[in-house]
């Protein structure tokens, strides 16, 4: 990226499972100094899903990103754009956004509403970015309960 187009990585994105592998790599090298000596903690900011860093570059975990991949981004030169057809609203076909949860014998005293947004993201200069595939390690995918 830097040799061909002069790109400078200023953001890293990866799946949570890849971030866990990154944290494992750092555990042996963790050092405490200054103010952190007052409260040494075996954990990291990752415990509360905070962004980590690699050098001074933020490392962001995104659950919808590909497994075993790391995205190296130059956010200043990439020309990321967002096209919006609908910023977001509740589905309202008949004047009421609330729908009963279930029907007949399965009906419950609960209601739901549908929210939707139509957005598309685009990168006009993809050559300033890179993707690293095949990151090995434990890949654990957690599926949210519905």
N, C-alpha and C. Protein backbone atom coordinates (compact mmCIF):
# COMPACT_ATOMS: atom_id res chain seq x y z
N UNK A 1 0.83 -1.18 0.00
CA UNK A 1 0.00 0.00 0.00
C UNK A 1 0.87 1.25 0.00
N UNK A 2 1.86 1.25 0.86
CA UNK A 2 2.71 2.43 0.96
C UNK A 2 3.66 2.53 -0.21
N UNK A 3 4.24 1.42 -0.65
CA UNK A 3 5.21 1.45 -1.74
C UNK A 3 4.57 1.81 -3.08
N UNK A 4 3.37 1.28 -3.33
CA UNK A 4 2.74 1.51 -4.63
C UNK A 4 2.00 2.84 -4.72
N UNK A 5 1.22 3.19 -3.69
CA UNK A 5 0.37 4.38 -3.77
C UNK A 5 0.59 5.41 -2.67
N UNK A 6 1.47 5.11 -1.72
CA UNK A 6 1.70 6.05 -0.63
C UNK A 6 0.66 5.97 0.46
N UNK A 7 -0.05 4.84 0.56
CA UNK A 7 -1.07 4.69 1.59
C UNK A 7 -0.46 4.58 2.98
N UNK A 8 -1.18 5.07 3.98
CA UNK A 8 -0.74 5.01 5.37
C UNK A 8 -1.87 4.42 6.20
N UNK A 9 -1.62 3.27 6.79
CA UNK A 9 -2.64 2.58 7.59
C UNK A 9 -2.94 3.40 8.83
N UNK A 10 -4.21 3.73 9.03
CA UNK A 10 -4.59 4.43 10.24
C UNK A 10 -5.77 3.76 10.96
N UNK A 11 -6.16 2.56 10.49
CA UNK A 11 -7.28 1.85 11.13
C UNK A 11 -7.21 0.38 10.76
N UNK A 12 -7.41 -0.50 11.72
CA UNK A 12 -7.47 -1.94 11.49
C UNK A 12 -8.84 -2.45 11.92
N UNK A 13 -9.44 -3.31 11.10
CA UNK A 13 -10.72 -3.93 11.44
C UNK A 13 -10.58 -5.44 11.36
N UNK A 14 -11.24 -6.14 12.28
CA UNK A 14 -11.19 -7.60 12.29
C UNK A 14 -12.38 -8.14 13.06
N UNK A 15 -12.63 -9.44 12.87
CA UNK A 15 -13.69 -10.14 13.62
C UNK A 15 -13.25 -10.29 15.07
N UNK A 16 -14.19 -10.46 15.97
CA UNK A 16 -13.88 -10.64 17.39
C UNK A 16 -12.94 -11.83 17.61
N UNK A 17 -13.12 -12.91 16.86
CA UNK A 17 -12.27 -14.09 17.05
C UNK A 17 -10.83 -13.79 16.67
N UNK A 18 -10.61 -12.96 15.65
CA UNK A 18 -9.25 -12.59 15.26
C UNK A 18 -8.65 -11.65 16.31
N UNK A 19 -9.47 -10.76 16.87
CA UNK A 19 -8.98 -9.87 17.92
C UNK A 19 -8.55 -10.68 19.14
N UNK A 20 -9.28 -11.76 19.46
CA UNK A 20 -8.88 -12.60 20.58
C UNK A 20 -7.50 -13.22 20.34
N UNK A 21 -7.20 -13.59 19.10
CA UNK A 21 -5.88 -14.12 18.76
C UNK A 21 -4.82 -13.04 18.91
N UNK A 22 -5.15 -11.82 18.53
CA UNK A 22 -4.23 -10.69 18.69
C UNK A 22 -3.92 -10.46 20.17
N UNK A 23 -4.95 -10.54 21.01
CA UNK A 23 -4.76 -10.35 22.45
C UNK A 23 -3.86 -11.45 23.01
N UNK A 24 -4.05 -12.69 22.56
CA UNK A 24 -3.19 -13.80 23.01
C UNK A 24 -1.72 -13.53 22.68
N UNK A 25 -1.46 -12.97 21.51
CA UNK A 25 -0.09 -12.67 21.13
C UNK A 25 0.55 -11.62 22.05
N UNK A 26 -0.26 -10.71 22.56
CA UNK A 26 0.26 -9.62 23.38
C UNK A 26 0.42 -9.97 24.86
N UNK A 27 -0.25 -11.04 25.33
CA UNK A 27 -0.25 -11.34 26.76
C UNK A 27 1.14 -11.47 27.36
N UNK A 28 2.05 -12.16 26.69
CA UNK A 28 3.40 -12.37 27.23
C UNK A 28 4.19 -11.08 27.31
N UNK A 29 3.85 -10.09 26.50
CA UNK A 29 4.61 -8.84 26.46
C UNK A 29 3.98 -7.70 27.25
N UNK A 30 2.89 -7.96 27.94
CA UNK A 30 2.20 -6.89 28.66
C UNK A 30 3.05 -6.40 29.83
N UNK A 31 3.24 -5.12 29.92
CA UNK A 31 4.03 -4.51 30.99
C UNK A 31 3.20 -3.40 31.63
N UNK A 32 3.42 -3.22 32.93
CA UNK A 32 2.73 -2.15 33.65
C UNK A 32 3.76 -1.14 34.11
N UNK A 33 3.43 0.13 33.92
CA UNK A 33 4.31 1.18 34.40
C UNK A 33 3.50 2.40 34.77
N UNK A 34 4.12 3.29 35.50
CA UNK A 34 3.45 4.53 35.87
C UNK A 34 2.16 4.29 36.63
N UNK A 35 1.09 4.94 36.19
CA UNK A 35 -0.19 4.87 36.87
C UNK A 35 -0.77 3.46 36.86
N UNK A 36 -0.46 2.64 35.85
CA UNK A 36 -1.04 1.30 35.79
C UNK A 36 -0.50 0.38 36.87
N UNK A 37 0.62 0.75 37.53
CA UNK A 37 1.14 -0.06 38.62
C UNK A 37 0.22 -0.04 39.83
N UNK A 38 -0.58 1.01 39.95
CA UNK A 38 -1.49 1.12 41.09
C UNK A 38 -2.63 0.11 41.01
N UNK A 39 -2.99 -0.29 39.81
CA UNK A 39 -4.07 -1.26 39.66
C UNK A 39 -3.73 -2.24 38.53
N UNK A 40 -2.75 -3.10 38.75
CA UNK A 40 -2.40 -4.05 37.70
C UNK A 40 -3.58 -4.99 37.43
N UNK A 41 -3.88 -5.16 36.19
CA UNK A 41 -5.04 -5.95 35.78
C UNK A 41 -4.61 -6.87 34.65
N UNK A 42 -4.96 -8.13 34.76
CA UNK A 42 -4.60 -9.08 33.72
C UNK A 42 -5.40 -8.90 32.44
N UNK A 43 -6.47 -8.13 32.50
CA UNK A 43 -7.31 -7.92 31.32
C UNK A 43 -6.87 -6.73 30.50
N UNK A 44 -7.66 -6.41 29.51
CA UNK A 44 -7.38 -5.26 28.65
C UNK A 44 -8.67 -4.50 28.44
N UNK A 45 -8.59 -3.42 27.65
CA UNK A 45 -9.79 -2.68 27.28
C UNK A 45 -10.77 -3.56 26.53
N UNK A 46 -10.27 -4.67 25.98
CA UNK A 46 -11.12 -5.55 25.18
C UNK A 46 -12.24 -6.18 26.02
N UNK A 47 -12.06 -6.24 27.32
CA UNK A 47 -13.09 -6.85 28.18
C UNK A 47 -14.41 -6.13 28.03
N UNK A 48 -14.37 -4.81 27.86
CA UNK A 48 -15.59 -4.02 27.67
C UNK A 48 -15.79 -3.66 26.21
N UNK A 49 -15.18 -4.43 25.30
CA UNK A 49 -15.28 -4.24 23.86
C UNK A 49 -14.71 -2.91 23.40
N UNK A 50 -13.79 -2.36 24.17
CA UNK A 50 -13.13 -1.12 23.76
C UNK A 50 -12.13 -1.40 22.65
N UNK A 51 -11.79 -0.36 21.90
CA UNK A 51 -10.82 -0.52 20.82
C UNK A 51 -9.42 -0.71 21.39
N UNK A 52 -8.68 -1.62 20.81
CA UNK A 52 -7.28 -1.83 21.15
C UNK A 52 -6.44 -1.02 20.18
N UNK A 53 -5.12 -1.10 20.30
CA UNK A 53 -4.25 -0.43 19.34
C UNK A 53 -3.12 -1.36 18.94
N UNK A 54 -2.59 -1.12 17.77
CA UNK A 54 -1.36 -1.75 17.29
C UNK A 54 -0.46 -0.58 16.98
N UNK A 55 0.52 -0.35 17.85
CA UNK A 55 1.26 0.91 17.77
C UNK A 55 0.29 2.01 18.17
N UNK A 56 0.09 2.98 17.30
CA UNK A 56 -0.89 4.03 17.55
C UNK A 56 -2.13 3.88 16.69
N UNK A 57 -2.24 2.74 16.00
CA UNK A 57 -3.35 2.50 15.08
C UNK A 57 -4.48 1.78 15.83
N UNK A 58 -5.71 2.32 15.81
CA UNK A 58 -6.83 1.65 16.46
C UNK A 58 -7.15 0.30 15.80
N UNK A 59 -7.53 -0.66 16.64
CA UNK A 59 -7.93 -1.99 16.19
C UNK A 59 -9.39 -2.17 16.59
N UNK A 60 -10.28 -2.25 15.60
CA UNK A 60 -11.73 -2.32 15.84
C UNK A 60 -12.24 -3.71 15.55
N UNK A 61 -12.98 -4.30 16.47
CA UNK A 61 -13.63 -5.59 16.25
C UNK A 61 -15.03 -5.35 15.73
N UNK A 62 -15.35 -6.00 14.62
CA UNK A 62 -16.67 -5.86 14.01
C UNK A 62 -17.23 -7.26 13.79
N UNK A 63 -18.40 -7.54 14.35
CA UNK A 63 -18.93 -8.91 14.31
C UNK A 63 -19.35 -9.36 12.92
N UNK A 64 -19.62 -8.44 11.99
CA UNK A 64 -20.09 -8.84 10.67
C UNK A 64 -18.97 -8.92 9.63
N UNK A 65 -17.73 -8.77 10.07
CA UNK A 65 -16.59 -8.82 9.15
C UNK A 65 -16.21 -10.29 8.94
N UNK A 66 -15.51 -10.57 7.85
CA UNK A 66 -15.14 -11.95 7.53
C UNK A 66 -14.25 -12.58 8.58
N UNK A 67 -14.43 -13.90 8.78
CA UNK A 67 -13.58 -14.64 9.71
C UNK A 67 -12.19 -14.77 9.14
N UNK A 68 -11.18 -14.84 9.99
CA UNK A 68 -9.78 -15.06 9.61
C UNK A 68 -9.25 -13.95 8.69
N UNK A 69 -9.77 -12.73 8.82
CA UNK A 69 -9.34 -11.62 7.98
C UNK A 69 -9.01 -10.39 8.84
N UNK A 70 -8.06 -9.61 8.36
CA UNK A 70 -7.74 -8.31 8.96
C UNK A 70 -7.77 -7.29 7.83
N UNK A 71 -8.46 -6.19 8.03
CA UNK A 71 -8.54 -5.12 7.05
C UNK A 71 -7.64 -3.96 7.50
N UNK A 72 -6.73 -3.56 6.64
CA UNK A 72 -5.82 -2.45 6.88
C UNK A 72 -6.34 -1.26 6.07
N UNK A 73 -6.76 -0.20 6.75
CA UNK A 73 -7.44 0.90 6.08
C UNK A 73 -6.67 2.21 6.18
N UNK A 74 -6.69 2.95 5.08
CA UNK A 74 -6.20 4.33 5.04
C UNK A 74 -7.46 5.19 4.89
N UNK A 75 -8.02 5.61 6.00
CA UNK A 75 -9.32 6.29 5.96
C UNK A 75 -9.25 7.68 5.34
N UNK A 76 -8.07 8.27 5.28
CA UNK A 76 -7.94 9.62 4.72
C UNK A 76 -7.93 9.63 3.19
N UNK A 77 -7.34 8.62 2.56
CA UNK A 77 -7.19 8.62 1.10
C UNK A 77 -8.14 7.66 0.38
N UNK A 78 -8.82 6.81 1.11
CA UNK A 78 -9.63 5.76 0.48
C UNK A 78 -10.87 6.27 -0.23
N UNK A 79 -11.39 7.39 0.20
CA UNK A 79 -12.59 7.93 -0.41
C UNK A 79 -13.84 7.12 -0.07
N UNK A 80 -13.97 6.75 1.20
CA UNK A 80 -15.16 6.01 1.61
C UNK A 80 -16.39 6.90 1.49
N UNK A 81 -17.45 6.35 0.91
CA UNK A 81 -18.69 7.09 0.73
C UNK A 81 -19.86 6.25 1.23
N UNK A 82 -20.91 6.93 1.64
CA UNK A 82 -22.13 6.26 2.07
C UNK A 82 -23.28 6.82 1.25
N UNK A 83 -23.96 5.94 0.54
CA UNK A 83 -25.15 6.32 -0.22
C UNK A 83 -26.37 5.91 0.60
N UNK A 84 -27.28 6.84 0.78
CA UNK A 84 -28.45 6.60 1.63
C UNK A 84 -29.73 6.75 0.82
N UNK A 85 -30.50 5.68 0.74
CA UNK A 85 -31.84 5.74 0.14
C UNK A 85 -32.88 5.99 1.23
N UNK A 86 -32.65 5.41 2.40
CA UNK A 86 -33.53 5.61 3.56
C UNK A 86 -32.67 5.61 4.81
N UNK A 87 -32.64 6.74 5.51
CA UNK A 87 -31.79 6.86 6.71
C UNK A 87 -32.23 5.90 7.80
N UNK A 88 -33.50 5.61 7.84
CA UNK A 88 -34.03 4.67 8.83
C UNK A 88 -35.40 5.09 9.30
N UNK A 89 -36.32 4.13 9.36
CA UNK A 89 -37.65 4.42 9.86
C UNK A 89 -38.35 3.12 10.22
N UNK A 90 -39.46 3.23 10.94
CA UNK A 90 -40.26 2.07 11.29
C UNK A 90 -41.19 1.72 10.13
N UNK A 91 -41.43 0.45 9.94
CA UNK A 91 -42.40 -0.02 8.94
C UNK A 91 -43.79 0.40 9.41
N UNK A 92 -44.52 1.08 8.54
CA UNK A 92 -45.84 1.60 8.92
C UNK A 92 -46.77 1.50 7.72
N UNK A 93 -47.33 0.33 7.49
CA UNK A 93 -48.20 0.13 6.32
C UNK A 93 -49.65 0.52 6.57
N UNK A 94 -50.11 0.30 7.80
CA UNK A 94 -51.53 0.53 8.06
C UNK A 94 -51.78 1.57 9.15
N UNK A 95 -50.80 2.40 9.44
CA UNK A 95 -50.98 3.43 10.45
C UNK A 95 -50.55 3.01 11.84
N UNK A 96 -50.09 1.78 11.99
CA UNK A 96 -49.63 1.31 13.28
C UNK A 96 -48.30 0.59 13.10
N UNK A 97 -47.29 1.00 13.85
CA UNK A 97 -45.98 0.36 13.70
C UNK A 97 -45.87 -0.90 14.57
N UNK A 98 -46.75 -1.05 15.55
CA UNK A 98 -46.67 -2.20 16.46
C UNK A 98 -47.43 -3.40 15.91
N UNK A 99 -46.84 -4.56 16.02
CA UNK A 99 -47.47 -5.81 15.61
C UNK A 99 -47.46 -6.76 16.82
N UNK A 100 -48.54 -7.53 16.98
CA UNK A 100 -48.58 -8.51 18.06
C UNK A 100 -47.58 -9.62 17.76
N UNK A 101 -46.88 -10.08 18.78
CA UNK A 101 -45.90 -11.15 18.64
C UNK A 101 -46.65 -12.48 18.69
N UNK A 102 -46.69 -13.17 17.56
CA UNK A 102 -47.40 -14.44 17.47
C UNK A 102 -48.83 -14.24 17.02
N UNK A 103 -49.53 -15.37 16.80
CA UNK A 103 -50.94 -15.31 16.41
C UNK A 103 -51.64 -16.56 16.91
N UNK A 104 -52.96 -16.50 17.01
CA UNK A 104 -53.72 -17.67 17.47
C UNK A 104 -53.30 -18.10 18.86
N UNK A 105 -53.06 -19.42 19.02
CA UNK A 105 -52.65 -19.95 20.33
C UNK A 105 -51.24 -19.53 20.73
N UNK A 106 -50.44 -19.11 19.77
CA UNK A 106 -49.06 -18.72 20.10
C UNK A 106 -48.94 -17.22 20.40
N UNK A 107 -50.06 -16.49 20.38
CA UNK A 107 -50.00 -15.04 20.64
C UNK A 107 -49.60 -14.79 22.09
N UNK A 108 -48.76 -13.82 22.27
CA UNK A 108 -48.31 -13.45 23.62
C UNK A 108 -48.66 -11.99 23.87
N UNK A 109 -48.57 -11.60 25.11
CA UNK A 109 -48.81 -10.20 25.46
C UNK A 109 -47.51 -9.43 25.19
N UNK A 110 -47.14 -9.40 23.92
CA UNK A 110 -45.90 -8.72 23.51
C UNK A 110 -46.10 -8.19 22.10
N UNK A 111 -45.41 -7.12 21.80
CA UNK A 111 -45.51 -6.50 20.49
C UNK A 111 -44.11 -6.26 19.95
N UNK A 112 -44.02 -6.15 18.63
CA UNK A 112 -42.73 -5.86 18.00
C UNK A 112 -42.95 -4.81 16.93
N UNK A 113 -41.88 -4.13 16.58
CA UNK A 113 -41.90 -3.14 15.50
C UNK A 113 -40.70 -3.40 14.61
N UNK A 114 -40.84 -3.12 13.33
CA UNK A 114 -39.75 -3.34 12.38
C UNK A 114 -39.11 -2.01 12.03
N UNK A 115 -37.81 -1.95 12.17
CA UNK A 115 -37.00 -0.78 11.81
C UNK A 115 -36.13 -1.17 10.63
N UNK A 116 -36.00 -0.29 9.67
CA UNK A 116 -35.12 -0.61 8.54
C UNK A 116 -34.43 0.65 8.03
N UNK A 117 -33.29 0.44 7.38
CA UNK A 117 -32.53 1.51 6.76
C UNK A 117 -31.92 0.96 5.48
N UNK A 118 -31.86 1.76 4.44
CA UNK A 118 -31.24 1.37 3.18
C UNK A 118 -30.02 2.23 2.95
N UNK A 119 -28.85 1.62 3.21
CA UNK A 119 -27.58 2.34 3.05
C UNK A 119 -26.60 1.43 2.33
N UNK A 120 -25.73 2.04 1.56
CA UNK A 120 -24.68 1.29 0.86
C UNK A 120 -23.38 2.05 1.03
N UNK A 121 -22.33 1.30 1.36
CA UNK A 121 -21.01 1.91 1.56
C UNK A 121 -20.11 1.56 0.39
N UNK A 122 -19.24 2.50 0.01
CA UNK A 122 -18.44 2.36 -1.20
C UNK A 122 -17.07 2.97 -0.97
N UNK A 123 -16.05 2.39 -1.58
CA UNK A 123 -14.68 2.90 -1.47
C UNK A 123 -14.21 3.27 -2.87
N UNK A 124 -13.92 4.54 -3.10
CA UNK A 124 -13.53 4.99 -4.44
C UNK A 124 -12.07 4.70 -4.76
N UNK A 125 -11.22 4.54 -3.76
CA UNK A 125 -9.79 4.27 -3.96
C UNK A 125 -9.37 3.04 -3.16
N UNK A 126 -9.77 1.84 -3.55
CA UNK A 126 -9.49 0.64 -2.75
C UNK A 126 -8.00 0.29 -2.67
N UNK A 127 -7.17 0.80 -3.59
CA UNK A 127 -5.75 0.49 -3.58
C UNK A 127 -5.00 1.01 -2.36
N UNK A 128 -5.60 1.93 -1.62
CA UNK A 128 -4.98 2.43 -0.40
C UNK A 128 -5.23 1.52 0.79
N UNK A 129 -6.00 0.46 0.59
CA UNK A 129 -6.35 -0.47 1.67
C UNK A 129 -5.83 -1.86 1.33
N UNK A 130 -5.81 -2.72 2.34
CA UNK A 130 -5.37 -4.10 2.12
C UNK A 130 -6.18 -5.03 3.01
N UNK A 131 -6.19 -6.30 2.63
CA UNK A 131 -6.86 -7.33 3.42
C UNK A 131 -5.90 -8.49 3.60
N UNK A 132 -5.78 -8.95 4.82
CA UNK A 132 -4.93 -10.09 5.14
C UNK A 132 -5.85 -11.26 5.44
N UNK A 133 -5.77 -12.31 4.62
CA UNK A 133 -6.61 -13.50 4.78
C UNK A 133 -5.83 -14.62 5.43
N UNK A 134 -6.56 -15.59 5.99
CA UNK A 134 -5.94 -16.80 6.51
C UNK A 134 -5.32 -16.65 7.87
N UNK A 135 -5.83 -15.74 8.70
CA UNK A 135 -5.32 -15.61 10.06
C UNK A 135 -5.73 -16.87 10.82
N UNK A 136 -4.76 -17.60 11.31
CA UNK A 136 -5.07 -18.88 11.96
C UNK A 136 -5.23 -18.71 13.45
N UNK A 137 -5.86 -19.68 14.06
CA UNK A 137 -6.10 -19.68 15.49
C UNK A 137 -7.50 -20.18 15.76
N UNK A 138 -7.93 -20.05 16.96
CA UNK A 138 -9.26 -20.50 17.36
C UNK A 138 -10.30 -19.54 16.81
N UNK A 139 -11.17 -20.02 15.97
CA UNK A 139 -12.26 -19.19 15.46
C UNK A 139 -13.54 -19.64 16.16
N UNK A 140 -14.04 -18.80 17.01
CA UNK A 140 -15.25 -19.09 17.76
C UNK A 140 -16.31 -18.09 17.33
N UNK A 141 -17.38 -18.58 16.78
CA UNK A 141 -18.46 -17.71 16.34
C UNK A 141 -19.61 -17.87 17.32
N UNK A 142 -20.04 -16.78 17.89
CA UNK A 142 -21.14 -16.79 18.85
C UNK A 142 -22.38 -16.32 18.13
N UNK A 143 -23.42 -17.14 18.13
CA UNK A 143 -24.68 -16.78 17.48
C UNK A 143 -25.61 -16.23 18.54
N UNK A 144 -26.15 -15.05 18.28
CA UNK A 144 -27.06 -14.43 19.25
C UNK A 144 -28.38 -15.17 19.28
N UNK A 145 -28.93 -15.31 20.49
CA UNK A 145 -30.23 -15.96 20.67
C UNK A 145 -31.32 -15.03 20.15
N UNK A 146 -32.28 -15.57 19.49
CA UNK A 146 -33.39 -14.77 18.96
C UNK A 146 -34.52 -14.71 19.95
